[in-house]
C-alpha atoms as a PDB file:
ATOM      1  CA  UNK A   1     143.971 110.137 188.847  1.00  0.00           C
ATOM      2  CA  UNK A   2     145.732 110.791 191.875  1.00  0.00           C
ATOM      3  CA  UNK A   3     147.610 114.108 192.602  1.00  0.00           C
ATOM      4  CA  UNK A   4     150.989 112.354 193.054  1.00  0.00           C
ATOM      5  CA  UNK A   5     152.482 110.088 191.003  1.00  0.00           C
ATOM      6  CA  UNK A   6     156.154 108.640 190.984  1.00  0.00           C
ATOM      7  CA  UNK A   7     158.441 108.184 188.154  1.00  0.00           C
ATOM      8  CA  UNK A   8     162.149 107.335 187.922  1.00  0.00           C
ATOM      9  CA  UNK A   9     164.854 109.449 186.433  1.00  0.00           C
ATOM     10  CA  UNK A  10     166.604 107.086 184.120  1.00  0.00           C
ATOM     11  CA  UNK A  11     170.821 107.039 183.475  1.00  0.00           C
ATOM     12  CA  UNK A  12     170.254 109.713 180.790  1.00  0.00           C
ATOM     13  CA  UNK A  13     168.167 111.694 182.545  1.00  0.00           C
ATOM     14  CA  UNK A  14     164.622 110.964 181.297  1.00  0.00           C
ATOM     15  CA  UNK A  15     161.656 110.359 182.944  1.00  0.00           C
ATOM     16  CA  UNK A  16     158.416 108.686 181.399  1.00  0.00           C
ATOM     17  CA  UNK A  17     155.343 110.711 181.857  1.00  0.00           C
ATOM     18  CA  UNK A  18     152.773 108.096 182.858  1.00  0.00           C
ATOM     19  CA  UNK A  19     149.852 107.345 180.487  1.00  0.00           C
ATOM     20  CA  UNK A  20     147.393 108.667 182.977  1.00  0.00           C
ATOM     21  CA  UNK A  21     148.964 111.932 183.627  1.00  0.00           C
ATOM     22  CA  UNK A  22     149.320 112.296 179.719  1.00  0.00           C
ATOM     23  CA  UNK A  23     145.733 111.749 179.370  1.00  0.00           C
ATOM     24  CA  UNK A  24     144.814 114.139 182.393  1.00  0.00           C
ATOM     25  CA  UNK A  25     147.064 116.798 180.829  1.00  0.00           C
ATOM     26  CA  UNK A  26     145.695 116.398 177.278  1.00  0.00           C
ATOM     27  CA  UNK A  27     149.570 115.698 176.529  1.00  0.00           C
ATOM     28  CA  UNK A  28     150.331 113.953 173.226  1.00  0.00           C
ATOM     29  CA  UNK A  29     153.168 112.755 171.060  1.00  0.00           C
ATOM     30  CA  UNK A  30     155.202 115.430 169.731  1.00  0.00           C
ATOM     31  CA  UNK A  31     153.421 118.228 172.057  1.00  0.00           C
ATOM     32  CA  UNK A  32     156.149 120.980 173.233  1.00  0.00           C
ATOM     33  CA  UNK A  33     156.175 121.340 177.075  1.00  0.00           C
ATOM     34  CA  UNK A  34     157.448 124.302 179.145  1.00  0.00           C
ATOM     35  CA  UNK A  35     159.625 123.286 182.148  1.00  0.00           C
ATOM     36  CA  UNK A  36     159.620 125.784 185.168  1.00  0.00           C
ATOM     37  CA  UNK A  37     162.218 125.158 187.610  1.00  0.00           C
ATOM     38  CA  UNK A  38     162.865 126.116 191.265  1.00  0.00           C
ATOM     39  CA  UNK A  39     164.762 124.653 193.963  1.00  0.00           C
ATOM     40  CA  UNK A  40     163.609 120.895 194.496  1.00  0.00           C
ATOM     41  CA  UNK A  41     160.693 121.363 191.847  1.00  0.00           C
ATOM     42  CA  UNK A  42     160.386 120.817 188.303  1.00  0.00           C
ATOM     43  CA  UNK A  43     156.814 121.838 186.797  1.00  0.00           C
ATOM     44  CA  UNK A  44     155.802 120.980 183.213  1.00  0.00           C
ATOM     45  CA  UNK A  45     153.278 122.931 181.140  1.00  0.00           C
ATOM     46  CA  UNK A  46     151.814 121.609 177.950  1.00  0.00           C
ATOM     47  CA  UNK A  47     152.141 124.504 175.380  1.00  0.00           C
ATOM     48  CA  UNK A  48     148.878 125.545 174.092  1.00  0.00           C
ATOM     49  CA  UNK A  49     148.161 126.335 170.425  1.00  0.00           C
ATOM     50  CA  UNK A  50     150.007 129.624 170.633  1.00  0.00           C
ATOM     51  CA  UNK A  51     153.262 129.273 172.899  1.00  0.00           C
ATOM     52  CA  UNK A  52     153.150 133.254 173.156  1.00  0.00           C
ATOM     53  CA  UNK A  53     150.341 133.135 175.285  1.00  0.00           C
ATOM     54  CA  UNK A  54     152.546 131.001 177.781  1.00  0.00           C
ATOM     55  CA  UNK A  55     155.736 132.967 177.241  1.00  0.00           C
ATOM     56  CA  UNK A  56     153.159 136.340 178.060  1.00  0.00           C
ATOM     57  CA  UNK A  57     152.262 134.798 181.318  1.00  0.00           C
ATOM     58  CA  UNK A  58     155.504 133.991 182.124  1.00  0.00           C
ATOM     59  CA  UNK A  59     156.922 137.331 181.246  1.00  0.00           C
ATOM     60  CA  UNK A  60     154.557 139.544 183.042  1.00  0.00           C
ATOM     61  CA  UNK A  61     155.092 136.842 186.038  1.00  0.00           C
ATOM     62  CA  UNK A  62     158.529 137.433 186.219  1.00  0.00           C
ATOM     63  CA  UNK A  63     157.818 141.536 185.797  1.00  0.00           C
ATOM     64  CA  UNK A  64     155.701 141.555 188.583  1.00  0.00           C
ATOM     65  CA  UNK A  65     158.461 139.677 190.750  1.00  0.00           C
ATOM     66  CA  UNK A  66     160.936 142.623 189.798  1.00  0.00           C
ATOM     67  CA  UNK A  67     163.055 140.064 187.786  1.00  0.00           C
ATOM     68  CA  UNK A  68     163.051 142.055 184.683  1.00  0.00           C
ATOM     69  CA  UNK A  69     165.025 145.099 183.435  1.00  0.00           C
ATOM     70  CA  UNK A  70     164.292 148.081 181.047  1.00  0.00           C
ATOM     71  CA  UNK A  71     165.721 147.003 177.808  1.00  0.00           C
ATOM     72  CA  UNK A  72     167.276 150.379 177.271  1.00  0.00           C
ATOM     73  CA  UNK A  73     168.944 150.613 181.046  1.00  0.00           C
ATOM     74  CA  UNK A  74     170.314 147.020 180.082  1.00  0.00           C
ATOM     75  CA  UNK A  75     171.930 148.316 176.686  1.00  0.00           C
ATOM     76  CA  UNK A  76     173.422 151.096 178.460  1.00  0.00           C
ATOM     77  CA  UNK A  77     175.082 148.974 181.001  1.00  0.00           C
ATOM     78  CA  UNK A  78     176.287 146.765 178.442  1.00  0.00           C
ATOM     79  CA  UNK A  79     177.320 149.715 176.273  1.00  0.00           C
ATOM     80  CA  UNK A  80     174.866 148.749 173.823  1.00  0.00           C
ATOM     81  CA  UNK A  81     173.711 151.319 171.235  1.00  0.00           C
ATOM     82  CA  UNK A  82     170.053 150.846 170.331  1.00  0.00           C
ATOM     83  CA  UNK A  83     169.528 154.329 168.516  1.00  0.00           C
ATOM     84  CA  UNK A  84     172.212 153.501 165.617  1.00  0.00           C
END
């Protein structure tokens, strides 16, 4: 399979993942995909058997980038009392 495939977005915003891409990524009907977005880019990742593994990796990545906040600090800023 080539690294680049061209797909077209239909009038309802949908795309079809080509058969060769589904086969290469082991994507089957009914699978859940995670969508990671950045400017000008959309990345689809097939959820593995335990989606928490992917979510953990994403959370760790966001933490390393400094995009997370301590829950207690957030609650205090929002006026939420956690210890009641």
